[in-house]
Amino acid sequence: MLIFVGLGNPGSQYAGHRHNVGFMAVDAIADAHGFGPDQRKFQGHVREGRLGTEKVIALRPGTYMNESGRAVGEALRFYKLDPGDVIVFHDELDLAPGKLRCKTGGGHAGHNGLRSIHAHIGADYHRVRLGIGHPGHKSKVAGYVLHDFAKADRDWLDPLLDGIAKAAPLLAKGERDRFQSDVARDVQDDASTRTPPKPAPSPASGARRDGTAEPKGAFDALKNLFRD
């Protein structure tokens, strides 16, 4: 059994925030693979299902981000699992938008949700880091993550979530490298189909579309009237 944890803040006012992309990812997986209905458990929301032969609990903590570890710790103890059975999906400022990286262990890099999970179950869990980009200066981070994705972000966000849902069985099997590469390929393939075709080149200056010279004056125009 595995626990897939999506990080975010509860409440409709936060639903579209960049900080909630972890919620979006686990919801995309649960929806795509026919997980059961939402249940209130472990100070959060749980949906149960299977990815291949693996039973998976999709958990969205119902606490605010900085208390996410409470729900994760409670679920871990209830199912008598180890931190290595937990995979956390979270926003990552240090990755470009649409990029994804898997990681096991390590520090929390100041992410309040990860900091809380570290405090409750230690650092030896797996993570799926979902790139949202950086606003450019530390002072802008809070306003950036606690703000809705821009409309233009859907061009990479939707393919990213679709790719995660599609490749989730690989993640459940422990094939994290293949999961990562499959998602990257799906996002890239989608981006290539969105690239608009190049416009036809404009006629060169001084030339017609049929290749003849553009008349420069009345005499040239008169000559063109009698061109064979």
C-alpha atoms as a PDB file:
ATOM      1  CA  MET A   1       0.000   0.000   0.000  1.00  0.00           C
ATOM      2  CA  LEU A   2       1.097   3.540  -0.780  1.00  0.00           C
ATOM      3  CA  ILE A   3      -0.067   6.963   0.337  1.00  0.00           C
ATOM      4  CA  PHE A   4      -0.040   9.664  -2.338  1.00  0.00           C
ATOM      5  CA  VAL A   5      -0.149  13.012  -0.548  1.00  0.00           C
ATOM      6  CA  GLY A   6      -1.064  16.216  -2.351  1.00  0.00           C
ATOM      7  CA  LEU A   7      -0.060  19.445  -0.630  1.00  0.00           C
ATOM      8  CA  GLY A   8      -2.172  22.571  -0.682  1.00  0.00           C
ATOM      9  CA  ASN A   9      -4.501  24.722   1.382  1.00  0.00           C
ATOM     10  CA  PRO A  10      -8.129  23.665   1.915  1.00  0.00           C
ATOM     11  CA  GLY A  11     -11.026  25.849   0.806  1.00  0.00           C
ATOM     12  CA  SER A  12     -12.439  27.026  -2.500  1.00  0.00           C
ATOM     13  CA  GLN A  13     -10.645  30.380  -2.215  1.00  0.00           C
ATOM     14  CA  TYR A  14      -7.301  28.558  -2.550  1.00  0.00           C
ATOM     15  CA  ALA A  15      -8.300  25.969  -5.149  1.00  0.00           C
ATOM     16  CA  GLY A  16      -6.567  27.632  -8.122  1.00  0.00           C
ATOM     17  CA  HIS A  17      -3.429  28.765  -6.292  1.00  0.00           C
ATOM     18  CA  ARG A  18       0.038  27.711  -7.422  1.00  0.00           C
ATOM     19  CA  HIS A  19       0.617  26.409  -3.890  1.00  0.00           C
ATOM     20  CA  ASN A  20      -2.223  23.905  -4.487  1.00  0.00           C
ATOM     21  CA  VAL A  21      -0.734  22.114  -7.484  1.00  0.00           C
ATOM     22  CA  GLY A  22      -0.115  19.087  -5.229  1.00  0.00           C
ATOM     23  CA  PHE A  23      -3.864  18.821  -4.584  1.00  0.00           C
ATOM     24  CA  MET A  24      -4.443  19.092  -8.333  1.00  0.00           C
ATOM     25  CA  ALA A  25      -1.998  16.267  -9.072  1.00  0.00           C
ATOM     26  CA  VAL A  26      -3.485  13.694  -6.685  1.00  0.00           C
ATOM     27  CA  ASP A  27      -7.006  14.625  -7.806  1.00  0.00           C
ATOM     28  CA  ALA A  28      -5.977  14.095 -11.436  1.00  0.00           C
ATOM     29  CA  ILE A  29      -4.618  10.638 -10.579  1.00  0.00           C
ATOM     30  CA  ALA A  30      -7.688   9.647  -8.557  1.00  0.00           C
ATOM     31  CA  ASP A  31     -10.087  10.844 -11.257  1.00  0.00           C
ATOM     32  CA  ALA A  32      -8.211   9.191 -14.125  1.00  0.00           C
ATOM     33  CA  HIS A  33      -7.978   5.808 -12.390  1.00  0.00           C
ATOM     34  CA  GLY A  34     -11.477   5.601 -10.948  1.00  0.00           C
ATOM     35  CA  PHE A  35     -10.657   5.953  -7.264  1.00  0.00           C
ATOM     36  CA  GLY A  36     -13.540   5.807  -4.817  1.00  0.00           C
ATOM     37  CA  PRO A  37     -15.482   8.756  -3.437  1.00  0.00           C
ATOM     38  CA  ASP A  38     -14.034  11.357  -1.133  1.00  0.00           C
ATOM     39  CA  GLN A  39     -14.044  10.441   2.562  1.00  0.00           C
ATOM     40  CA  ARG A  40     -13.172  12.570   5.578  1.00  0.00           C
ATOM     41  CA  LYS A  41     -10.280  10.848   7.352  1.00  0.00           C
ATOM     42  CA  PHE A  42      -6.987  11.676   9.021  1.00  0.00           C
ATOM     43  CA  GLN A  43      -7.778  15.388   9.341  1.00  0.00           C
ATOM     44  CA  GLY A  44      -8.163  15.501   5.583  1.00  0.00           C
ATOM     45  CA  HIS A  45      -9.799  14.012   2.507  1.00  0.00           C
ATOM     46  CA  VAL A  46      -9.083  10.492   1.290  1.00  0.00           C
ATOM     47  CA  ARG A  47      -9.885   8.555  -1.883  1.00  0.00           C
ATOM     48  CA  GLU A  48      -8.928   4.889  -2.245  1.00  0.00           C
ATOM     49  CA  GLY A  49      -8.070   3.048  -5.434  1.00  0.00           C
ATOM     50  CA  ARG A  50      -5.550   0.907  -7.270  1.00  0.00           C
ATOM     51  CA  LEU A  51      -2.716   1.635  -9.635  1.00  0.00           C
ATOM     52  CA  GLY A  52      -1.901  -1.669 -11.256  1.00  0.00           C
ATOM     53  CA  THR A  53      -1.592  -4.177  -8.411  1.00  0.00           C
ATOM     54  CA  GLU A  54      -0.844  -1.527  -5.792  1.00  0.00           C
ATOM     55  CA  LYS A  55      -3.478  -0.161  -3.446  1.00  0.00           C
ATOM     56  CA  VAL A  56      -3.136   3.609  -3.150  1.00  0.00           C
ATOM     57  CA  ILE A  57      -4.584   6.113  -0.705  1.00  0.00           C
ATOM     58  CA  ALA A  58      -4.861   9.611  -2.199  1.00  0.00           C
ATOM     59  CA  LEU A  59      -4.701  12.045   0.719  1.00  0.00           C
ATOM     60  CA  ARG A  60      -5.275  15.790   0.748  1.00  0.00           C
ATOM     61  CA  PRO A  61      -4.606  17.190   4.234  1.00  0.00           C
ATOM     62  CA  GLY A  62      -7.480  19.277   5.545  1.00  0.00           C
ATOM     63  CA  THR A  63      -5.195  21.438   7.648  1.00  0.00           C
ATOM     64  CA  TYR A  64      -3.431  24.462   6.256  1.00  0.00           C
ATOM     65  CA  MET A  65      -0.150  23.875   4.461  1.00  0.00           C
ATOM     66  CA  ASN A  66       2.088  24.433   7.481  1.00  0.00           C
ATOM     67  CA  GLU A  67       0.282  21.646   9.412  1.00  0.00           C
ATOM     68  CA  SER A  68       0.198  19.059   6.594  1.00  0.00           C
ATOM     69  CA  GLY A  69       2.316  16.601   8.574  1.00  0.00           C
ATOM     70  CA  ARG A  70      -0.445  15.969  11.084  1.00  0.00           C
ATOM     71  CA  ALA A  71      -2.657  14.244   8.501  1.00  0.00           C
ATOM     72  CA  VAL A  72       0.249  12.365   6.929  1.00  0.00           C
ATOM     73  CA  GLY A  73       1.492  11.085  10.287  1.00  0.00           C
ATOM     74  CA  GLU A  74      -1.977   9.956  11.326  1.00  0.00           C
ATOM     75  CA  ALA A  75      -2.523   8.043   8.080  1.00  0.00           C
ATOM     76  CA  LEU A  76       0.920   6.443   8.286  1.00  0.00           C
ATOM     77  CA  ARG A  77       0.296   5.171  11.807  1.00  0.00           C
ATOM     78  CA  PHE A  78      -3.194   3.919  11.003  1.00  0.00           C
ATOM     79  CA  TYR A  79      -2.015   1.772   8.085  1.00  0.00           C
ATOM     80  CA  LYS A  80       1.239   0.795   9.857  1.00  0.00           C
ATOM     81  CA  LEU A  81       3.329   1.969   6.923  1.00  0.00           C
ATOM     82  CA  ASP A  82       6.850   3.354   6.664  1.00  0.00           C
ATOM     83  CA  PRO A  83       7.874   6.812   5.385  1.00  0.00           C
ATOM     84  CA  GLY A  84       9.141   5.069   2.237  1.00  0.00           C
ATOM     85  CA  ASP A  85       5.505   4.216   1.416  1.00  0.00           C
ATOM     86  CA  VAL A  86       4.625   7.920   1.171  1.00  0.00           C
ATOM     87  CA  ILE A  87       4.891   9.978  -2.031  1.00  0.00           C
ATOM     88  CA  VAL A  88       4.277  13.712  -1.637  1.00  0.00           C
ATOM     89  CA  PHE A  89       3.316  15.947  -4.577  1.00  0.00           C
ATOM     90  CA  HIS A  90       4.206  19.597  -4.014  1.00  0.00           C
ATOM     91  CA  ASP A  91       4.944  22.893  -5.746  1.00  0.00           C
ATOM     92  CA  GLU A  92       8.593  23.687  -6.452  1.00  0.00           C
ATOM     93  CA  LEU A  93       9.830  27.239  -6.985  1.00  0.00           C
ATOM     94  CA  ASP A  94      13.273  26.106  -8.122  1.00  0.00           C
ATOM     95  CA  LEU A  95      11.969  24.250 -11.185  1.00  0.00           C
ATOM     96  CA  ALA A  96      10.727  25.896 -14.371  1.00  0.00           C
ATOM     97  CA  PRO A  97       6.980  25.770 -14.977  1.00  0.00           C
ATOM     98  CA  GLY A  98       5.917  22.360 -16.262  1.00  0.00           C
ATOM     99  CA  LYS A  99       9.080  20.566 -15.145  1.00  0.00           C
ATOM    100  CA  LEU A 100       8.881  17.597 -12.778  1.00  0.00           C
ATOM    101  CA  ARG A 101      11.517  15.879 -10.684  1.00  0.00           C
ATOM    102  CA  CYS A 102      11.354  12.940  -8.280  1.00  0.00           C
ATOM    103  CA  LYS A 103      13.361  12.986  -5.075  1.00  0.00           C
ATOM    104  CA  THR A 104      13.782  10.856  -1.965  1.00  0.00           C
ATOM    105  CA  GLY A 105      14.853  12.297   1.375  1.00  0.00           C
ATOM    106  CA  GLY A 106      16.819  15.493   1.813  1.00  0.00           C
ATOM    107  CA  GLY A 107      15.879  18.854   3.266  1.00  0.00           C
ATOM    108  CA  HIS A 108      12.606  20.737   3.004  1.00  0.00           C
ATOM    109  CA  ALA A 109      14.192  23.868   1.416  1.00  0.00           C
ATOM    110  CA  GLY A 110      11.895  26.127   3.413  1.00  0.00           C
ATOM    111  CA  HIS A 111       8.662  24.636   2.058  1.00  0.00           C
ATOM    112  CA  ASN A 112       6.224  24.801   4.986  1.00  0.00           C
ATOM    113  CA  GLY A 113       4.296  21.693   3.984  1.00  0.00           C
ATOM    114  CA  LEU A 114       7.445  19.603   3.723  1.00  0.00           C
ATOM    115  CA  ARG A 115       8.774  21.118   6.957  1.00  0.00           C
ATOM    116  CA  SER A 116       5.656  19.888   8.757  1.00  0.00           C
ATOM    117  CA  ILE A 117       5.892  16.392   7.225  1.00  0.00           C
ATOM    118  CA  HIS A 118       9.564  16.201   8.227  1.00  0.00           C
ATOM    119  CA  ALA A 119       8.534  16.982  11.806  1.00  0.00           C
ATOM    120  CA  HIS A 120       5.916  14.206  11.904  1.00  0.00           C
ATOM    121  CA  ILE A 121       7.434  11.309   9.919  1.00  0.00           C
ATOM    122  CA  GLY A 122      11.050  12.252   9.211  1.00  0.00           C
ATOM    123  CA  ALA A 123      12.656  12.957   5.833  1.00  0.00           C
ATOM    124  CA  ASP A 124      12.756   9.470   4.289  1.00  0.00           C
ATOM    125  CA  TYR A 125       9.691   9.789   2.070  1.00  0.00           C
ATOM    126  CA  HIS A 126       9.477  10.256  -1.685  1.00  0.00           C
ATOM    127  CA  ARG A 127       8.539  13.500  -3.391  1.00  0.00           C
ATOM    128  CA  VAL A 128       7.317  14.616  -6.777  1.00  0.00           C
ATOM    129  CA  ARG A 129       8.462  18.204  -7.225  1.00  0.00           C
ATOM    130  CA  LEU A 130       6.175  20.140  -9.561  1.00  0.00           C
ATOM    131  CA  GLY A 131       7.820  23.191 -11.095  1.00  0.00           C
ATOM    132  CA  ILE A 132       5.888  26.446 -10.924  1.00  0.00           C
ATOM    133  CA  GLY A 133       8.806  28.822 -11.560  1.00  0.00           C
ATOM    134  CA  HIS A 134      10.085  31.621  -9.340  1.00  0.00           C
ATOM    135  CA  PRO A 135       8.790  35.208  -9.250  1.00  0.00           C
ATOM    136  CA  GLY A 136      12.354  36.526  -9.282  1.00  0.00           C
ATOM    137  CA  HIS A 137      12.780  37.842  -5.748  1.00  0.00           C
ATOM    138  CA  LYS A 138      12.282  36.321  -2.310  1.00  0.00           C
ATOM    139  CA  SER A 139       9.974  39.160  -1.274  1.00  0.00           C
ATOM    140  CA  LYS A 140       7.507  38.194  -4.008  1.00  0.00           C
ATOM    141  CA  VAL A 141       7.286  34.476  -3.202  1.00  0.00           C
ATOM    142  CA  ALA A 142       4.307  34.553  -0.794  1.00  0.00           C
ATOM    143  CA  GLY A 143       2.144  36.582  -3.153  1.00  0.00           C
ATOM    144  CA  TYR A 144       3.208  34.399  -6.079  1.00  0.00           C
ATOM    145  CA  VAL A 145       2.411  30.994  -4.603  1.00  0.00           C
ATOM    146  CA  LEU A 146      -0.784  32.241  -2.938  1.00  0.00           C
ATOM    147  CA  HIS A 147      -2.227  33.410  -6.225  1.00  0.00           C
ATOM    148  CA  ASP A 148      -4.150  31.632  -8.960  1.00  0.00           C
ATOM    149  CA  PHE A 149      -2.325  30.210 -11.933  1.00  0.00           C
ATOM    150  CA  ALA A 150      -2.491  32.622 -14.859  1.00  0.00           C
ATOM    151  CA  LYS A 151      -4.706  31.699 -17.793  1.00  0.00           C
ATOM    152  CA  ALA A 152      -1.628  31.197 -19.975  1.00  0.00           C
ATOM    153  CA  ASP A 153      -0.292  28.632 -17.466  1.00  0.00           C
ATOM    154  CA  ARG A 154      -2.974  26.179 -18.585  1.00  0.00           C
ATOM    155  CA  ASP A 155      -0.842  25.552 -21.696  1.00  0.00           C
ATOM    156  CA  TRP A 156       1.664  23.651 -19.559  1.00  0.00           C
ATOM    157  CA  LEU A 157      -0.335  22.870 -16.407  1.00  0.00           C
ATOM    158  CA  ASP A 158      -3.037  20.761 -18.075  1.00  0.00           C
ATOM    159  CA  PRO A 159      -0.538  18.572 -19.993  1.00  0.00           C
ATOM    160  CA  LEU A 160       1.538  18.191 -16.823  1.00  0.00           C
ATOM    161  CA  LEU A 161      -1.441  16.980 -14.771  1.00  0.00           C
ATOM    162  CA  ASP A 162      -2.614  14.704 -17.595  1.00  0.00           C
ATOM    163  CA  GLY A 163       0.880  13.246 -17.926  1.00  0.00           C
ATOM    164  CA  ILE A 164       1.118  12.617 -14.179  1.00  0.00           C
ATOM    165  CA  ALA A 165      -2.230  10.831 -14.159  1.00  0.00           C
ATOM    166  CA  LYS A 166      -1.305   8.713 -17.172  1.00  0.00           C
ATOM    167  CA  ALA A 167       2.101   7.674 -15.808  1.00  0.00           C
ATOM    168  CA  ALA A 168       1.013   7.212 -12.169  1.00  0.00           C
ATOM    169  CA  PRO A 169       1.094   3.356 -12.345  1.00  0.00           C
ATOM    170  CA  LEU A 170       4.842   3.592 -13.023  1.00  0.00           C
ATOM    171  CA  LEU A 171       5.283   5.689  -9.892  1.00  0.00           C
ATOM    172  CA  ALA A 172       3.322   3.127  -7.858  1.00  0.00           C
ATOM    173  CA  LYS A 173       5.636   0.375  -9.171  1.00  0.00           C
ATOM    174  CA  GLY A 174       8.675   2.313  -8.007  1.00  0.00           C
ATOM    175  CA  GLU A 175       9.796   3.167 -11.556  1.00  0.00           C
ATOM    176  CA  ARG A 176      10.384   6.811 -10.716  1.00  0.00           C
ATOM    177  CA  ASP A 177      12.896   7.523 -13.468  1.00  0.00           C
ATOM    178  CA  ARG A 178      10.565   6.177 -16.131  1.00  0.00           C
ATOM    179  CA  PHE A 179       7.627   8.033 -14.585  1.00  0.00           C
ATOM    180  CA  GLN A 180       9.611  11.259 -14.725  1.00  0.00           C
ATOM    181  CA  SER A 181      10.704  10.778 -18.343  1.00  0.00           C
ATOM    182  CA  ASP A 182       7.221   9.731 -19.529  1.00  0.00           C
ATOM    183  CA  VAL A 183       5.627  12.838 -18.017  1.00  0.00           C
ATOM    184  CA  ALA A 184       8.316  15.063 -19.542  1.00  0.00           C
ATOM    185  CA  ARG A 185       7.724  13.496 -22.950  1.00  0.00           C
ATOM    186  CA  ASP A 186       3.956  13.978 -22.737  1.00  0.00           C
ATOM    187  CA  VAL A 187       4.363  17.642 -21.789  1.00  0.00           C
ATOM    188  CA  GLN A 188       6.857  18.175 -24.628  1.00  0.00           C
ATOM    189  CA  ASP A 189       4.640  16.376 -27.160  1.00  0.00           C
ATOM    190  CA  ASP A 190       1.687  18.530 -26.181  1.00  0.00           C
ATOM    191  CA  ALA A 191       3.781  21.700 -26.461  1.00  0.00           C
ATOM    192  CA  SER A 192       4.862  20.748 -29.982  1.00  0.00           C
ATOM    193  CA  THR A 193       1.249  20.373 -31.128  1.00  0.00           C
ATOM    194  CA  ARG A 194       0.480  23.851 -29.775  1.00  0.00           C
ATOM    195  CA  THR A 195       3.277  25.534 -31.757  1.00  0.00           C
ATOM    196  CA  PRO A 196       1.575  27.722 -34.384  1.00  0.00           C
ATOM    197  CA  PRO A 197       2.658  27.270 -37.997  1.00  0.00           C
ATOM    198  CA  LYS A 198       5.080  29.841 -39.333  1.00  0.00           C
ATOM    199  CA  PRO A 199       3.402  32.487 -41.476  1.00  0.00           C
ATOM    200  CA  ALA A 200       4.105  32.435 -45.199  1.00  0.00           C
ATOM    201  CA  PRO A 201       6.969  34.786 -46.076  1.00  0.00           C
ATOM    202  CA  SER A 202       5.956  38.195 -47.369  1.00  0.00           C
ATOM    203  CA  PRO A 203       6.852  39.019 -50.967  1.00  0.00           C
ATOM    204  CA  ALA A 204      10.274  40.604 -51.290  1.00  0.00           C
ATOM    205  CA  SER A 205      10.299  44.348 -51.581  1.00  0.00           C
ATOM    206  CA  GLY A 206       9.888  45.409 -55.182  1.00  0.00           C
ATOM    207  CA  ALA A 207       8.330  42.110 -56.294  1.00  0.00           C
ATOM    208  CA  ARG A 208       4.816  40.878 -56.963  1.00  0.00           C
ATOM    209  CA  ARG A 209       3.482  37.566 -55.647  1.00  0.00           C
ATOM    210  CA  ASP A 210       3.810  36.218 -59.211  1.00  0.00           C
ATOM    211  CA  GLY A 211       7.514  37.107 -59.178  1.00  0.00           C
ATOM    212  CA  THR A 212       7.323  40.070 -61.555  1.00  0.00           C
ATOM    213  CA  ALA A 213       8.778  43.409 -60.558  1.00  0.00           C
ATOM    214  CA  GLU A 214       6.509  45.891 -58.854  1.00  0.00           C
ATOM    215  CA  PRO A 215       6.064  48.929 -61.180  1.00  0.00           C
ATOM    216  CA  LYS A 216       7.980  51.940 -59.943  1.00  0.00           C
ATOM    217  CA  GLY A 217       6.134  54.635 -61.889  1.00  0.00           C
ATOM    218  CA  ALA A 218       3.622  55.453 -64.620  1.00  0.00           C
ATOM    219  CA  PHE A 219       5.992  54.459 -67.457  1.00  0.00           C
ATOM    220  CA  ASP A 220       6.793  51.084 -65.880  1.00  0.00           C
ATOM    221  CA  ALA A 221       3.081  50.462 -65.257  1.00  0.00           C
ATOM    222  CA  LEU A 222       2.327  51.210 -68.930  1.00  0.00           C
ATOM    223  CA  LYS A 223       5.060  48.781 -70.054  1.00  0.00           C
ATOM    224  CA  ASN A 224       3.591  46.043 -67.857  1.00  0.00           C
ATOM    225  CA  LEU A 225       0.256  46.376 -69.596  1.00  0.00           C
ATOM    226  CA  PHE A 226       1.935  45.218 -72.844  1.00  0.00           C
ATOM    227  CA  ARG A 227       4.127  42.539 -71.231  1.00  0.00           C
ATOM    228  CA  ASP A 228       3.934  39.238 -73.178  1.00  0.00           C
END
